[in-house]
Amino acid sequence: MNAKRQLLEFTVEQTVLICSCANYLEMSNQYLESMKAGRYR
């Protein structure tokens, strides 16, 4: 039972990590797009 709980906590941590990374990439991607748009206008 304890191993199951540890696995669950690990999975949750990984999910949060992946989500925050994806969020960061999305934000930096939008930032780069707006920089490009501003430069070529």
PDB file of N, CA and C in Angstrom:
ATOM      1  N   MET A   1       0.833  -1.202   0.000  1.00  0.00           N
ATOM      2  CA  MET A   1       0.000   0.000   0.000  1.00  0.00           C
ATOM      3  C   MET A   1       0.871   1.256   0.000  1.00  0.00           C
ATOM      4  N   ASN A   2       1.937   1.221   0.803  1.00  0.00           N
ATOM      5  CA  ASN A   2       2.821   2.370   0.878  1.00  0.00           C
ATOM      6  C   ASN A   2       3.502   2.647  -0.465  1.00  0.00           C
ATOM      7  N   ALA A   3       3.900   1.568  -1.150  1.00  0.00           N
ATOM      8  CA  ALA A   3       4.538   1.717  -2.454  1.00  0.00           C
ATOM      9  C   ALA A   3       3.569   2.349  -3.454  1.00  0.00           C
ATOM     10  N   LYS A   4       2.307   1.936  -3.357  1.00  0.00           N
ATOM     11  CA  LYS A   4       1.304   2.513  -4.256  1.00  0.00           C
ATOM     12  C   LYS A   4       1.182   4.014  -4.025  1.00  0.00           C
ATOM     13  N   ARG A   5       1.173   4.387  -2.755  1.00  0.00           N
ATOM     14  CA  ARG A   5       1.036   5.804  -2.433  1.00  0.00           C
ATOM     15  C   ARG A   5       2.242   6.596  -2.919  1.00  0.00           C
ATOM     16  N   GLN A   6       3.429   6.031  -2.759  1.00  0.00           N
ATOM     17  CA  GLN A   6       4.644   6.697  -3.234  1.00  0.00           C
ATOM     18  C   GLN A   6       4.599   6.868  -4.745  1.00  0.00           C
ATOM     19  N   LEU A   7       4.124   5.845  -5.427  1.00  0.00           N
ATOM     20  CA  LEU A   7       4.020   5.907  -6.885  1.00  0.00           C
ATOM     21  C   LEU A   7       3.045   6.988  -7.303  1.00  0.00           C
ATOM     22  N   LEU A   8       1.924   7.064  -6.591  1.00  0.00           N
ATOM     23  CA  LEU A   8       0.915   8.070  -6.898  1.00  0.00           C
ATOM     24  C   LEU A   8       1.490   9.475  -6.710  1.00  0.00           C
ATOM     25  N   GLU A   9       2.169   9.695  -5.603  1.00  0.00           N
ATOM     26  CA  GLU A   9       2.766  11.010  -5.342  1.00  0.00           C
ATOM     27  C   GLU A   9       3.799  11.353  -6.404  1.00  0.00           C
ATOM     28  N   PHE A  10       4.585  10.358  -6.798  1.00  0.00           N
ATOM     29  CA  PHE A  10       5.590  10.567  -7.842  1.00  0.00           C
ATOM     30  C   PHE A  10       4.921  10.955  -9.152  1.00  0.00           C
ATOM     31  N   THR A  11       3.828  10.252  -9.489  1.00  0.00           N
ATOM     32  CA  THR A  11       3.102  10.520 -10.724  1.00  0.00           C
ATOM     33  C   THR A  11       2.540  11.936 -10.722  1.00  0.00           C
ATOM     34  N   VAL A  12       1.983  12.336  -9.586  1.00  0.00           N
ATOM     35  CA  VAL A  12       1.430  13.689  -9.471  1.00  0.00           C
ATOM     36  C   VAL A  12       2.532  14.723  -9.648  1.00  0.00           C
ATOM     37  N   GLU A  13       3.677  14.496  -9.016  1.00  0.00           N
ATOM     38  CA  GLU A  13       4.793  15.434  -9.142  1.00  0.00           C
ATOM     39  C   GLU A  13       5.250  15.542 -10.587  1.00  0.00           C
ATOM     40  N   GLN A  14       5.360  14.397 -11.264  1.00  0.00           N
ATOM     41  CA  GLN A  14       5.785  14.404 -12.659  1.00  0.00           C
ATOM     42  C   GLN A  14       4.784  15.160 -13.528  1.00  0.00           C
ATOM     43  N   THR A  15       3.488  14.932 -13.262  1.00  0.00           N
ATOM     44  CA  THR A  15       2.446  15.598 -14.044  1.00  0.00           C
ATOM     45  C   THR A  15       2.530  17.106 -13.880  1.00  0.00           C
ATOM     46  N   VAL A  16       2.702  17.545 -12.634  1.00  0.00           N
ATOM     47  CA  VAL A  16       2.815  18.986 -12.364  1.00  0.00           C
ATOM     48  C   VAL A  16       4.039  19.556 -13.072  1.00  0.00           C
ATOM     49  N   LEU A  17       5.138  18.812 -13.011  1.00  0.00           N
ATOM     50  CA  LEU A  17       6.375  19.252 -13.640  1.00  0.00           C
ATOM     51  C   LEU A  17       6.185  19.400 -15.146  1.00  0.00           C
ATOM     52  N   ILE A  18       5.584  18.392 -15.768  1.00  0.00           N
ATOM     53  CA  ILE A  18       5.349  18.415 -17.216  1.00  0.00           C
ATOM     54  C   ILE A  18       4.434  19.579 -17.592  1.00  0.00           C
ATOM     55  N   CYS A  19       3.379  19.777 -16.787  1.00  0.00           N
ATOM     56  CA  CYS A  19       2.433  20.860 -17.072  1.00  0.00           C
ATOM     57  C   CYS A  19       3.117  22.215 -16.988  1.00  0.00           C
ATOM     58  N   SER A  20       3.924  22.415 -15.968  1.00  0.00           N
ATOM     59  CA  SER A  20       4.581  23.710 -15.819  1.00  0.00           C
ATOM     60  C   SER A  20       5.620  23.922 -16.922  1.00  0.00           C
ATOM     61  N   CYS A  21       6.267  22.849 -17.344  1.00  0.00           N
ATOM     62  CA  CYS A  21       7.219  22.960 -18.454  1.00  0.00           C
ATOM     63  C   CYS A  21       6.493  23.318 -19.745  1.00  0.00           C
ATOM     64  N   ALA A  22       5.379  22.653 -20.001  1.00  0.00           N
ATOM     65  CA  ALA A  22       4.595  22.925 -21.206  1.00  0.00           C
ATOM     66  C   ALA A  22       4.093  24.363 -21.184  1.00  0.00           C
ATOM     67  N   ASN A  23       3.658  24.804 -20.009  1.00  0.00           N
ATOM     68  CA  ASN A  23       3.192  26.180 -19.842  1.00  0.00           C
ATOM     69  C   ASN A  23       4.309  27.160 -20.162  1.00  0.00           C
ATOM     70  N   TYR A  24       5.489  26.885 -19.646  1.00  0.00           N
ATOM     71  CA  TYR A  24       6.637  27.756 -19.863  1.00  0.00           C
ATOM     72  C   TYR A  24       6.998  27.812 -21.341  1.00  0.00           C
ATOM     73  N   LEU A  25       7.010  26.648 -21.993  1.00  0.00           N
ATOM     74  CA  LEU A  25       7.331  26.602 -23.414  1.00  0.00           C
ATOM     75  C   LEU A  25       6.301  27.377 -24.231  1.00  0.00           C
ATOM     76  N   GLU A  26       5.040  27.216 -23.876  1.00  0.00           N
ATOM     77  CA  GLU A  26       3.965  27.925 -24.567  1.00  0.00           C
ATOM     78  C   GLU A  26       4.151  29.431 -24.423  1.00  0.00           C
ATOM     79  N   MET A  27       4.453  29.878 -23.212  1.00  0.00           N
ATOM     80  CA  MET A  27       4.642  31.309 -22.960  1.00  0.00           C
ATOM     81  C   MET A  27       5.842  31.853 -23.722  1.00  0.00           C
ATOM     82  N   SER A  28       6.960  31.142 -23.681  1.00  0.00           N
ATOM     83  CA  SER A  28       8.151  31.623 -24.371  1.00  0.00           C
ATOM     84  C   SER A  28       7.940  31.593 -25.883  1.00  0.00           C
ATOM     85  N   ASN A  29       7.158  30.627 -26.357  1.00  0.00           N
ATOM     86  CA  ASN A  29       6.837  30.545 -27.775  1.00  0.00           C
ATOM     87  C   ASN A  29       6.027  31.767 -28.204  1.00  0.00           C
ATOM     88  N   GLN A  30       5.004  32.115 -27.423  1.00  0.00           N
ATOM     89  CA  GLN A  30       4.185  33.291 -27.721  1.00  0.00           C
ATOM     90  C   GLN A  30       5.037  34.549 -27.672  1.00  0.00           C
ATOM     91  N   TYR A  31       5.947  34.611 -26.715  1.00  0.00           N
ATOM     92  CA  TYR A  31       6.833  35.765 -26.581  1.00  0.00           C
ATOM     93  C   TYR A  31       7.696  35.911 -27.834  1.00  0.00           C
ATOM     94  N   LEU A  32       8.262  34.801 -28.296  1.00  0.00           N
ATOM     95  CA  LEU A  32       9.094  34.841 -29.497  1.00  0.00           C
ATOM     96  C   LEU A  32       8.276  35.254 -30.716  1.00  0.00           C
ATOM     97  N   GLU A  33       7.054  34.726 -30.811  1.00  0.00           N
ATOM     98  CA  GLU A  33       6.182  35.084 -31.932  1.00  0.00           C
ATOM     99  C   GLU A  33       5.897  36.577 -31.939  1.00  0.00           C
ATOM    100  N   SER A  34       5.593  37.143 -30.770  1.00  0.00           N
ATOM    101  CA  SER A  34       5.285  38.575 -30.699  1.00  0.00           C
ATOM    102  C   SER A  34       6.539  39.409 -30.998  1.00  0.00           C
ATOM    103  N   MET A  35       7.711  38.909 -30.595  1.00  0.00           N
ATOM    104  CA  MET A  35       8.955  39.616 -30.908  1.00  0.00           C
ATOM    105  C   MET A  35       9.164  39.648 -32.418  1.00  0.00           C
ATOM    106  N   LYS A  36       8.951  38.509 -33.066  1.00  0.00           N
ATOM    107  CA  LYS A  36       9.108  38.421 -34.519  1.00  0.00           C
ATOM    108  C   LYS A  36       8.124  39.341 -35.219  1.00  0.00           C
ATOM    109  N   ALA A  37       6.872  39.307 -34.751  1.00  0.00           N
ATOM    110  CA  ALA A  37       5.824  40.143 -35.356  1.00  0.00           C
ATOM    111  C   ALA A  37       6.190  41.615 -35.216  1.00  0.00           C
ATOM    112  N   GLY A  38       6.708  41.987 -34.039  1.00  0.00           N
ATOM    113  CA  GLY A  38       7.080  43.383 -33.812  1.00  0.00           C
ATOM    114  C   GLY A  38       8.255  43.796 -34.687  1.00  0.00           C
ATOM    115  N   ARG A  39       9.159  42.853 -34.941  1.00  0.00           N
ATOM    116  CA  ARG A  39      10.364  43.174 -35.711  1.00  0.00           C
ATOM    117  C   ARG A  39      10.049  43.354 -37.192  1.00  0.00           C
ATOM    118  N   TYR A  40       9.149  42.516 -37.697  1.00  0.00           N
ATOM    119  CA  TYR A  40       8.898  42.547 -39.143  1.00  0.00           C
ATOM    120  C   TYR A  40       7.787  43.495 -39.549  1.00  0.00           C
ATOM    121  N   ARG A  41       7.183  44.183 -38.565  1.00  0.00           N
ATOM    122  CA  ARG A  41       6.077  45.061 -38.915  1.00  0.00           C
ATOM    123  C   ARG A  41       6.581  46.326 -39.601  1.00  0.00           C
TER     124      ARG A  41
END
